[in-house]
Each structure stands twice: as structure tokens, then as C-alpha cells.
């Protein structure tokens, strides 16, 4: 919670009415408690699902194992957060979102989970050898599509975004090595794309996948 409290304090200093809520999306009771607090205290207009891990079972700082040797427990840990945790939180908060006038769900995905990109022999991202992470984002993309279809007759907009290669802790020390590549940017760039999808108008798209340059292939 230290990072969350620090972020909330920074925003409060700028005049925002913000509070941090402790939440473990892999824990049913934690999610239920957070959802109950949000429902009781504030309601909810926008859900941004950004929690993710990248656990390929390799040595810290080393190369990830090839798909044929990725430990299954590592893939399970990745799915627990990136897929099941996101679905758990979304399902708990959807009844609260449906009370909003303009509810929005933004799932932070990755082009690594795009079949369109992964099947393109010219796409340089194919060299990124991360089966657990990439397939978890493919699953998240499918969840985005199916939830958008389920909610097509409501005011909820559900979209996925791939912010690009962002200098965050998820990329670890490798972020510096990626500097200068197409799509690399600071967290502010990724946040701008997410914010645009979170603030879509009533006639905006749903069930789409967006990147910094526009719509992406699923």
C-alpha cells in the first residue's frame, strides 16, 4: 500500500479527492471487501484493469525458457493475476458500474497477445519469448470481446489497449535497453491512451483493441 498511498497523497496535494484502497485481485475476500467499500462510499464510473505480472519461470534477469520448457506453475501464476484476477474484479464491480451514467471498462493488454501480430513474420515482437504473459493477454483480449458483446445493449463500453513499451517496473531493468525502439515511451504516454478509452463518449466504440497509433488486430 505504500506506493498507492504515496500516489494518493500526491494527487491530494494537487487538489484531487483521492483515497487508496488495498486490494489483492487474486484473493476473493480482498476483492469482495474492496467492491463493498467502493459501492458504499463512492460508486464507480470507470474500471481500468492494469494489474499484471510477467513470470516465465526463468532466472531473474535471465532469458525466459522457450515455450516447450516454460514451467506450468509459472504460467498458472501469470494467469491467476492477468486473467482470473482481472475477471474476478470485473465481475464483482460490474453491478456497481451498471449504476453509472457512463460506465467504462479498460483492460490493459499487449500486442504480445495479438494473434494478428504474432502471426506476422515481419513483426519484431515475435522474438519476445514469453508464452505465459503473451497467452494471458490473448485470453484477456477474448474476455474483452465477450464482455463487450454481453453488454452491447447497455451504456458500458469495454475496450482493450496496448500502451506500447512503457518504462515501468513490469519491464524491470530491461526498460532502459528498450529506449529508442518504436513504441517506447514514459508512463505518461501509456496513461494518455488509457484515459482516452476511459472517457469515450456515449457513441464511442466498444469491443475494440487500441494502441498508440490507432486500432490493433486481435
Foldseek 3Di string as FASTA:
>chain_A
DVVQQVVQVVVVVVPDDDDDQDADLLDLVRLLVVLVCCLVPPFDAEAEQDDFAQFQPDDVVDARDAPVDRDPVSLVVRLSRLPVSSVSNCVSRVVSNLVDPAHEYEYEAACLQFPVQCVDPPRPCVPRRGVSRNVSRVNVLVVQQVVCVVCVVGQYAGEYEHAFLEPDCNCPPCLVVCPPPPRYDYVVSSVVVRVCRSPDDSPDHHSFYAYSVGTDHD
